[in-house]
Amino acid sequence: MAHEASKRLVPGAKTAVLLVHGICGSSEHFRSLLPLEERIPVDWSYHNLVLDGHCAEVSDFGRSSMKKWQKQVDDAFDELAGSHQSLILVGHSMGTLLSIRQALRHPQKIKTLFLLAVPVKVFVRPRAIPNLLRVALGMTRGNDPVLRSMCCACGIRHTKRLWKYIPWIPRMVELLHFCGQTAKQLGDLRVSCIALQSAKDEMVSARAGRLLRDSGRVEVIDLPNSTHFYYEPQDQQTILDLFDAVCKE
């Protein structure tokens, strides 16, 4: 898969969609889940980002940082906000945190936040670890849809030299700090926000959904049969229907 950024700028468009993937993820996650050319109105612009160090080598990811990702999303948002009246932000996992950050920066420019797997509370379940190791080592053969979805979403080229992953530790620490920081800021949101939380998520705690609801700022939709990366067909249809409704508002 290409795992490349994609952008469509429509002259005179009033609305733009900015899509931000999660940590170790890629733009391909949205192309497979939410076919952009089919779902985003033809008279809207969009930018499906690839974050720095993603869709690259393991060492490239280790050399990146949360500050670089935040600045990259800041720049992409500011570019679209400068030429469009309103933006819809679509985020998955870490991408939801980066999207919420934009809503706190410039709420007047955002029409809706459309968020998938918001990790304001993280809990890695033991069943996630074998698949994470398989993806890291490139051992992804088989028909398990959960593993296939994880492999599809991952944009970083694997290596069997496990010591190459040691520089990733600071990136994961930065992510955990960002999760906690965002959890404390939920009550400051002043924009329309929909969060779709997977009931079988292997990496996001069920407490995340409760925190989002308790904030009073977020409409939480449960996806009963989905995981962090895999969306069961009926749940995926729920996502598509809700996104279509957002586009028609």
C-alpha atoms as a PDB file:
ATOM      1  CA  MET A   1       0.000   0.000   0.000  1.00  0.00           C
ATOM      2  CA  ALA A   2       1.140   3.531  -0.785  1.00  0.00           C
ATOM      3  CA  HIS A   3       0.687   5.043   2.699  1.00  0.00           C
ATOM      4  CA  GLU A   4       0.946   8.503   1.156  1.00  0.00           C
ATOM      5  CA  ALA A   5      -0.609  11.813   2.086  1.00  0.00           C
ATOM      6  CA  SER A   6      -3.376  13.024  -0.206  1.00  0.00           C
ATOM      7  CA  LYS A   7      -4.854  16.460  -0.679  1.00  0.00           C
ATOM      8  CA  ARG A   8      -7.672  17.952  -2.740  1.00  0.00           C
ATOM      9  CA  LEU A   9      -7.981  21.729  -2.766  1.00  0.00           C
ATOM     10  CA  VAL A  10     -11.172  22.944  -4.443  1.00  0.00           C
ATOM     11  CA  PRO A  11     -11.083  26.611  -5.534  1.00  0.00           C
ATOM     12  CA  GLY A  12     -13.768  28.562  -3.714  1.00  0.00           C
ATOM     13  CA  ALA A  13     -14.623  25.702  -1.328  1.00  0.00           C
ATOM     14  CA  LYS A  14     -16.136  26.837   1.960  1.00  0.00           C
ATOM     15  CA  THR A  15     -15.483  23.610   3.872  1.00  0.00           C
ATOM     16  CA  ALA A  16     -12.393  21.438   4.260  1.00  0.00           C
ATOM     17  CA  VAL A  17     -11.760  18.119   6.003  1.00  0.00           C
ATOM     18  CA  LEU A  18      -8.472  17.453   7.791  1.00  0.00           C
ATOM     19  CA  LEU A  19      -7.749  13.800   8.596  1.00  0.00           C
ATOM     20  CA  VAL A  20      -5.111  12.884  11.192  1.00  0.00           C
ATOM     21  CA  HIS A  21      -4.045   9.277  11.799  1.00  0.00           C
ATOM     22  CA  GLY A  22      -2.743   7.751  15.011  1.00  0.00           C
ATOM     23  CA  ILE A  23       0.732   6.957  16.294  1.00  0.00           C
ATOM     24  CA  CYS A  24       2.508   4.375  14.078  1.00  0.00           C
ATOM     25  CA  GLY A  25      -0.487   4.703  11.735  1.00  0.00           C
ATOM     26  CA  SER A  26      -0.897   6.081   8.247  1.00  0.00           C
ATOM     27  CA  SER A  27      -3.261   7.840   5.884  1.00  0.00           C
ATOM     28  CA  GLU A  28      -4.270   4.409   4.571  1.00  0.00           C
ATOM     29  CA  HIS A  29      -6.413   3.896   7.680  1.00  0.00           C
ATOM     30  CA  PHE A  30      -8.884   6.496   6.421  1.00  0.00           C
ATOM     31  CA  ARG A  31      -8.773   5.391   2.792  1.00  0.00           C
ATOM     32  CA  SER A  32      -9.863   1.894   3.789  1.00  0.00           C
ATOM     33  CA  LEU A  33     -12.336   2.944   6.488  1.00  0.00           C
ATOM     34  CA  LEU A  34     -13.776   6.104   4.994  1.00  0.00           C
ATOM     35  CA  PRO A  35     -13.292   6.237   1.183  1.00  0.00           C
ATOM     36  CA  LEU A  36     -12.543   9.923   0.756  1.00  0.00           C
ATOM     37  CA  GLU A  37     -13.588  10.470  -2.846  1.00  0.00           C
ATOM     38  CA  GLU A  38     -16.894   8.707  -2.170  1.00  0.00           C
ATOM     39  CA  ARG A  39     -17.840  10.307   1.137  1.00  0.00           C
ATOM     40  CA  ILE A  40     -16.504  13.877   1.100  1.00  0.00           C
ATOM     41  CA  PRO A  41     -18.636  16.214  -1.054  1.00  0.00           C
ATOM     42  CA  VAL A  42     -16.992  17.059  -4.371  1.00  0.00           C
ATOM     43  CA  ASP A  43     -17.108  20.787  -3.658  1.00  0.00           C
ATOM     44  CA  TRP A  44     -15.137  20.389  -0.405  1.00  0.00           C
ATOM     45  CA  SER A  45     -11.377  20.290   0.067  1.00  0.00           C
ATOM     46  CA  TYR A  46      -9.560  17.701   2.161  1.00  0.00           C
ATOM     47  CA  HIS A  47      -6.075  16.850   3.401  1.00  0.00           C
ATOM     48  CA  ASN A  48      -5.268  13.318   4.563  1.00  0.00           C
ATOM     49  CA  LEU A  49      -2.008  13.792   6.463  1.00  0.00           C
ATOM     50  CA  VAL A  50       0.997  11.543   6.977  1.00  0.00           C
ATOM     51  CA  LEU A  51       2.782  12.552  10.167  1.00  0.00           C
ATOM     52  CA  ASP A  52       6.541  12.986  10.316  1.00  0.00           C
ATOM     53  CA  GLY A  53       8.451   9.717  10.763  1.00  0.00           C
ATOM     54  CA  HIS A  54       5.461   7.629   9.685  1.00  0.00           C
ATOM     55  CA  CYS A  55       5.270   5.713   6.414  1.00  0.00           C
ATOM     56  CA  ALA A  56       9.035   5.393   6.756  1.00  0.00           C
ATOM     57  CA  GLU A  57      11.717   3.331   8.493  1.00  0.00           C
ATOM     58  CA  VAL A  58      11.704   2.373  12.177  1.00  0.00           C
ATOM     59  CA  SER A  59      14.644   4.729  12.808  1.00  0.00           C
ATOM     60  CA  ASP A  60      12.797   7.656  11.169  1.00  0.00           C
ATOM     61  CA  PHE A  61       9.947   7.256  13.627  1.00  0.00           C
ATOM     62  CA  GLY A  62      12.369   7.175  16.567  1.00  0.00           C
ATOM     63  CA  ARG A  63      13.893  10.486  15.456  1.00  0.00           C
ATOM     64  CA  SER A  64      10.534  12.262  15.268  1.00  0.00           C
ATOM     65  CA  SER A  65       8.662  13.781  18.229  1.00  0.00           C
ATOM     66  CA  MET A  66       5.303  14.925  19.524  1.00  0.00           C
ATOM     67  CA  LYS A  67       6.363  18.540  19.010  1.00  0.00           C
ATOM     68  CA  LYS A  68       6.956  17.853  15.318  1.00  0.00           C
ATOM     69  CA  TRP A  69       3.568  16.175  14.961  1.00  0.00           C
ATOM     70  CA  GLN A  70       1.790  19.009  16.738  1.00  0.00           C
ATOM     71  CA  LYS A  71       3.476  21.618  14.554  1.00  0.00           C
ATOM     72  CA  GLN A  72       2.707  19.638  11.410  1.00  0.00           C
ATOM     73  CA  VAL A  73      -0.997  19.496  12.277  1.00  0.00           C
ATOM     74  CA  ASP A  74      -0.925  23.180  13.311  1.00  0.00           C
ATOM     75  CA  ASP A  75       0.502  24.082   9.895  1.00  0.00           C
ATOM     76  CA  ALA A  76      -1.960  21.911   7.952  1.00  0.00           C
ATOM     77  CA  PHE A  77      -4.889  23.300   9.941  1.00  0.00           C
ATOM     78  CA  ASP A  78      -3.752  26.913   9.517  1.00  0.00           C
ATOM     79  CA  GLU A  79      -3.317  26.430   5.771  1.00  0.00           C
ATOM     80  CA  LEU A  80      -6.884  25.141   5.361  1.00  0.00           C
ATOM     81  CA  ALA A  81      -8.350  27.623   7.846  1.00  0.00           C
ATOM     82  CA  GLY A  82      -6.817  30.486   5.893  1.00  0.00           C
ATOM     83  CA  SER A  83      -8.763  29.620   2.742  1.00  0.00           C
ATOM     84  CA  HIS A  84     -11.958  27.915   4.032  1.00  0.00           C
ATOM     85  CA  GLN A  85     -14.790  29.124   6.259  1.00  0.00           C
ATOM     86  CA  SER A  86     -15.013  25.950   8.357  1.00  0.00           C
ATOM     87  CA  LEU A  87     -13.205  22.675   8.925  1.00  0.00           C
ATOM     88  CA  ILE A  88     -14.218  19.165   9.923  1.00  0.00           C
ATOM     89  CA  LEU A  89     -11.442  17.303  11.713  1.00  0.00           C
ATOM     90  CA  VAL A  90     -11.353  13.515  11.513  1.00  0.00           C
ATOM     91  CA  GLY A  91      -8.928  11.772  13.852  1.00  0.00           C
ATOM     92  CA  HIS A  92      -8.030   8.253  14.894  1.00  0.00           C
ATOM     93  CA  SER A  93      -6.322   7.476  18.226  1.00  0.00           C
ATOM     94  CA  MET A  94      -3.461   9.986  18.678  1.00  0.00           C
ATOM     95  CA  GLY A  95      -4.975  11.885  15.760  1.00  0.00           C
ATOM     96  CA  THR A  96      -8.011  12.593  17.947  1.00  0.00           C
ATOM     97  CA  LEU A  97      -5.778  14.287  20.523  1.00  0.00           C
ATOM     98  CA  LEU A  98      -4.146  16.393  17.827  1.00  0.00           C
ATOM     99  CA  SER A  99      -7.615  17.292  16.515  1.00  0.00           C
ATOM    100  CA  ILE A 100      -8.871  18.299  19.961  1.00  0.00           C
ATOM    101  CA  ARG A 101      -5.784  20.494  20.262  1.00  0.00           C
ATOM    102  CA  GLN A 102      -6.891  22.394  17.154  1.00  0.00           C
ATOM    103  CA  ALA A 103     -10.401  22.797  18.573  1.00  0.00           C
ATOM    104  CA  LEU A 104      -8.886  24.419  21.644  1.00  0.00           C
ATOM    105  CA  ARG A 105      -6.694  26.676  19.482  1.00  0.00           C
ATOM    106  CA  HIS A 106      -9.331  27.898  17.007  1.00  0.00           C
ATOM    107  CA  PRO A 107     -12.854  26.743  17.943  1.00  0.00           C
ATOM    108  CA  GLN A 108     -14.463  29.367  15.700  1.00  0.00           C
ATOM    109  CA  LYS A 109     -13.089  27.636  12.578  1.00  0.00           C
ATOM    110  CA  ILE A 110     -14.283  24.111  13.371  1.00  0.00           C
ATOM    111  CA  LYS A 111     -17.637  22.737  12.291  1.00  0.00           C
ATOM    112  CA  THR A 112     -17.262  19.299  13.912  1.00  0.00           C
ATOM    113  CA  LEU A 113     -14.713  16.948  15.448  1.00  0.00           C
ATOM    114  CA  PHE A 114     -15.276  13.386  14.206  1.00  0.00           C
ATOM    115  CA  LEU A 115     -13.133  11.178  16.430  1.00  0.00           C
ATOM    116  CA  LEU A 116     -12.372   7.451  16.444  1.00  0.00           C
ATOM    117  CA  ALA A 117     -10.865   5.685  19.482  1.00  0.00           C
ATOM    118  CA  VAL A 118     -10.107   8.694  21.666  1.00  0.00           C
ATOM    119  CA  PRO A 119      -7.298   7.539  24.025  1.00  0.00           C
ATOM    120  CA  VAL A 120      -7.842   9.818  27.016  1.00  0.00           C
ATOM    121  CA  LYS A 121      -7.364   6.671  29.102  1.00  0.00           C
ATOM    122  CA  VAL A 122      -4.967   4.010  27.819  1.00  0.00           C
ATOM    123  CA  PHE A 123      -5.020   0.330  28.742  1.00  0.00           C
ATOM    124  CA  VAL A 124      -3.110  -2.178  26.590  1.00  0.00           C
ATOM    125  CA  ARG A 125      -4.819  -5.524  26.996  1.00  0.00           C
ATOM    126  CA  PRO A 126      -2.690  -8.693  26.910  1.00  0.00           C
ATOM    127  CA  ARG A 127      -4.465  -9.922  23.771  1.00  0.00           C
ATOM    128  CA  ALA A 128      -3.057  -6.943  21.842  1.00  0.00           C
ATOM    129  CA  ILE A 129       0.583  -7.854  22.439  1.00  0.00           C
ATOM    130  CA  PRO A 130       0.904 -10.866  20.059  1.00  0.00           C
ATOM    131  CA  ASN A 131      -0.506  -8.841  17.151  1.00  0.00           C
ATOM    132  CA  LEU A 132       1.680  -5.845  17.942  1.00  0.00           C
ATOM    133  CA  LEU A 133       4.737  -8.103  17.877  1.00  0.00           C
ATOM    134  CA  ARG A 134       3.647  -9.728  14.620  1.00  0.00           C
ATOM    135  CA  VAL A 135       3.288  -6.345  12.935  1.00  0.00           C
ATOM    136  CA  ALA A 136       6.636  -5.144  14.337  1.00  0.00           C
ATOM    137  CA  LEU A 137       8.388  -8.269  13.031  1.00  0.00           C
ATOM    138  CA  GLY A 138       6.500  -8.444   9.731  1.00  0.00           C
ATOM    139  CA  MET A 139       4.856 -11.775  10.599  1.00  0.00           C
ATOM    140  CA  THR A 140       1.425 -10.814   9.291  1.00  0.00           C
ATOM    141  CA  ARG A 141       0.298 -13.775   7.208  1.00  0.00           C
ATOM    142  CA  GLY A 142      -3.131 -15.198   7.889  1.00  0.00           C
ATOM    143  CA  ASN A 143      -6.783 -14.269   7.656  1.00  0.00           C
ATOM    144  CA  ASP A 144      -7.356 -12.731  11.081  1.00  0.00           C
ATOM    145  CA  PRO A 145      -9.249  -9.488  10.291  1.00  0.00           C
ATOM    146  CA  VAL A 146      -7.965  -7.773  13.454  1.00  0.00           C
ATOM    147  CA  LEU A 147      -4.344  -8.458  12.489  1.00  0.00           C
ATOM    148  CA  ARG A 148      -4.960  -7.486   8.859  1.00  0.00           C
ATOM    149  CA  SER A 149      -6.515  -4.178   9.900  1.00  0.00           C
ATOM    150  CA  MET A 150      -3.613  -3.420  12.218  1.00  0.00           C
ATOM    151  CA  CYS A 151      -1.133  -4.222   9.458  1.00  0.00           C
ATOM    152  CA  CYS A 152      -3.051  -2.072   6.965  1.00  0.00           C
ATOM    153  CA  ALA A 153      -3.104   0.914   9.315  1.00  0.00           C
ATOM    154  CA  CYS A 154       0.601   0.669  10.193  1.00  0.00           C
ATOM    155  CA  GLY A 155       2.733   2.768   7.870  1.00  0.00           C
ATOM    156  CA  ILE A 156       6.160   2.018   9.373  1.00  0.00           C
ATOM    157  CA  ARG A 157       8.349  -0.576   7.654  1.00  0.00           C
ATOM    158  CA  HIS A 158       8.991  -3.433  10.022  1.00  0.00           C
ATOM    159  CA  THR A 159      12.329  -4.883  11.076  1.00  0.00           C
ATOM    160  CA  LYS A 160      13.285  -8.047  12.925  1.00  0.00           C
ATOM    161  CA  ARG A 161      16.113  -6.166  14.667  1.00  0.00           C
ATOM    162  CA  LEU A 162      14.175  -5.406  17.833  1.00  0.00           C
ATOM    163  CA  TRP A 163      16.830  -3.064  19.271  1.00  0.00           C
ATOM    164  CA  LYS A 164      15.873  -0.630  16.501  1.00  0.00           C
ATOM    165  CA  TYR A 165      12.626  -0.016  18.419  1.00  0.00           C
ATOM    166  CA  ILE A 166      14.356   1.265  21.577  1.00  0.00           C
ATOM    167  CA  PRO A 167      14.258   4.937  20.384  1.00  0.00           C
ATOM    168  CA  TRP A 168      10.467   4.581  20.220  1.00  0.00           C
ATOM    169  CA  ILE A 169      10.221   4.614  24.016  1.00  0.00           C
ATOM    170  CA  PRO A 170      10.354   8.448  24.318  1.00  0.00           C
ATOM    171  CA  ARG A 171       7.649   8.739  21.644  1.00  0.00           C
ATOM    172  CA  MET A 172       5.347   6.474  23.662  1.00  0.00           C
ATOM    173  CA  VAL A 173       6.062   8.420  26.847  1.00  0.00           C
ATOM    174  CA  GLU A 174       5.187  11.648  25.020  1.00  0.00           C
ATOM    175  CA  LEU A 175       1.930  10.070  23.857  1.00  0.00           C
ATOM    176  CA  LEU A 176       0.927   9.014  27.368  1.00  0.00           C
ATOM    177  CA  HIS A 177       1.601  12.528  28.632  1.00  0.00           C
ATOM    178  CA  PHE A 178      -0.488  13.974  25.783  1.00  0.00           C
ATOM    179  CA  CYS A 179      -3.347  11.576  26.625  1.00  0.00           C
ATOM    180  CA  GLY A 180      -3.416  12.757  30.233  1.00  0.00           C
ATOM    181  CA  GLN A 181      -3.152  16.408  29.246  1.00  0.00           C
ATOM    182  CA  THR A 182      -6.057  16.116  26.797  1.00  0.00           C
ATOM    183  CA  ALA A 183      -8.247  14.336  29.361  1.00  0.00           C
ATOM    184  CA  LYS A 184      -7.956  17.404  31.604  1.00  0.00           C
ATOM    185  CA  GLN A 185      -8.963  19.746  28.756  1.00  0.00           C
ATOM    186  CA  LEU A 186     -12.166  18.019  27.610  1.00  0.00           C
ATOM    187  CA  GLY A 187     -14.336  20.423  29.593  1.00  0.00           C
ATOM    188  CA  ASP A 188     -12.841  23.331  27.625  1.00  0.00           C
ATOM    189  CA  LEU A 189     -14.186  22.108  24.281  1.00  0.00           C
ATOM    190  CA  ARG A 190     -16.584  24.525  22.599  1.00  0.00           C
ATOM    191  CA  VAL A 191     -17.256  22.746  19.320  1.00  0.00           C
ATOM    192  CA  SER A 192     -19.517  19.943  18.112  1.00  0.00           C
ATOM    193  CA  CYS A 193     -17.763  16.659  18.860  1.00  0.00           C
ATOM    194  CA  ILE A 194     -18.650  13.039  18.066  1.00  0.00           C
ATOM    195  CA  ALA A 195     -16.489  10.240  19.508  1.00  0.00           C
ATOM    196  CA  LEU A 196     -16.889   6.660  18.307  1.00  0.00           C
ATOM    197  CA  GLN A 197     -15.395   4.274  20.849  1.00  0.00           C
ATOM    198  CA  SER A 198     -14.859   0.562  20.130  1.00  0.00           C
ATOM    199  CA  ALA A 199     -16.128  -1.756  22.850  1.00  0.00           C
ATOM    200  CA  LYS A 200     -13.382  -4.304  22.119  1.00  0.00           C
ATOM    201  CA  ASP A 201     -10.538  -1.794  21.822  1.00  0.00           C
ATOM    202  CA  GLU A 202      -7.269  -3.445  22.890  1.00  0.00           C
ATOM    203  CA  MET A 203      -5.472  -0.169  23.655  1.00  0.00           C
ATOM    204  CA  VAL A 204      -8.044   2.354  24.863  1.00  0.00           C
ATOM    205  CA  SER A 205      -9.635   1.839  28.263  1.00  0.00           C
ATOM    206  CA  ALA A 206     -13.415   1.674  28.621  1.00  0.00           C
ATOM    207  CA  ARG A 207     -12.956   4.516  31.114  1.00  0.00           C
ATOM    208  CA  ALA A 208     -12.145   6.791  28.159  1.00  0.00           C
ATOM    209  CA  GLY A 209     -15.767   6.675  27.021  1.00  0.00           C
ATOM    210  CA  ARG A 210     -16.964   7.562  30.516  1.00  0.00           C
ATOM    211  CA  LEU A 211     -14.557  10.498  30.703  1.00  0.00           C
ATOM    212  CA  LEU A 212     -15.767  11.783  27.358  1.00  0.00           C
ATOM    213  CA  ARG A 213     -19.427  11.524  28.421  1.00  0.00           C
ATOM    214  CA  ASP A 214     -18.773  13.089  31.811  1.00  0.00           C
ATOM    215  CA  SER A 215     -17.182  16.123  30.152  1.00  0.00           C
ATOM    216  CA  GLY A 216     -20.614  17.124  28.846  1.00  0.00           C
ATOM    217  CA  ARG A 217     -18.957  18.255  25.614  1.00  0.00           C
ATOM    218  CA  VAL A 218     -18.810  15.052  23.593  1.00  0.00           C
ATOM    219  CA  GLU A 219     -21.466  12.825  22.012  1.00  0.00           C
ATOM    220  CA  VAL A 220     -20.170   9.278  22.481  1.00  0.00           C
ATOM    221  CA  ILE A 221     -21.249   6.466  20.158  1.00  0.00           C
ATOM    222  CA  ASP A 222     -20.341   2.894  21.107  1.00  0.00           C
ATOM    223  CA  LEU A 223     -19.194   0.465  18.409  1.00  0.00           C
ATOM    224  CA  PRO A 224     -20.009  -2.889  20.061  1.00  0.00           C
ATOM    225  CA  ASN A 225     -18.096  -5.262  17.774  1.00  0.00           C
ATOM    226  CA  SER A 226     -14.956  -3.340  16.828  1.00  0.00           C
ATOM    227  CA  THR A 227     -11.354  -3.077  18.049  1.00  0.00           C
ATOM    228  CA  HIS A 228      -8.762  -0.295  17.843  1.00  0.00           C
ATOM    229  CA  PHE A 229      -8.110  -0.785  14.125  1.00  0.00           C
ATOM    230  CA  TYR A 230     -10.717  -3.306  12.994  1.00  0.00           C
ATOM    231  CA  TYR A 231     -14.270  -2.155  12.341  1.00  0.00           C
ATOM    232  CA  GLU A 232     -16.885  -4.859  12.008  1.00  0.00           C
ATOM    233  CA  PRO A 233     -19.067  -4.217   8.897  1.00  0.00           C
ATOM    234  CA  GLN A 234     -22.143  -3.049  10.817  1.00  0.00           C
ATOM    235  CA  ASP A 235     -20.021  -0.731  12.964  1.00  0.00           C
ATOM    236  CA  GLN A 236     -18.275   0.596   9.878  1.00  0.00           C
ATOM    237  CA  GLN A 237     -21.670   1.373   8.368  1.00  0.00           C
ATOM    238  CA  THR A 238     -22.509   3.298  11.539  1.00  0.00           C
ATOM    239  CA  ILE A 239     -19.330   5.339  11.040  1.00  0.00           C
ATOM    240  CA  LEU A 240     -20.176   6.037   7.404  1.00  0.00           C
ATOM    241  CA  ASP A 241     -23.777   7.011   8.195  1.00  0.00           C
ATOM    242  CA  LEU A 242     -22.682   9.391  10.942  1.00  0.00           C
ATOM    243  CA  PHE A 243     -20.014  10.951   8.748  1.00  0.00           C
ATOM    244  CA  ASP A 244     -22.543  11.420   5.937  1.00  0.00           C
ATOM    245  CA  ALA A 245     -24.881  13.122   8.414  1.00  0.00           C
ATOM    246  CA  VAL A 246     -22.091  15.477   9.513  1.00  0.00           C
ATOM    247  CA  CYS A 247     -21.408  16.378   5.888  1.00  0.00           C
ATOM    248  CA  LYS A 248     -25.097  17.167   5.289  1.00  0.00           C
ATOM    249  CA  GLU A 249     -25.535  19.411   8.330  1.00  0.00           C
END
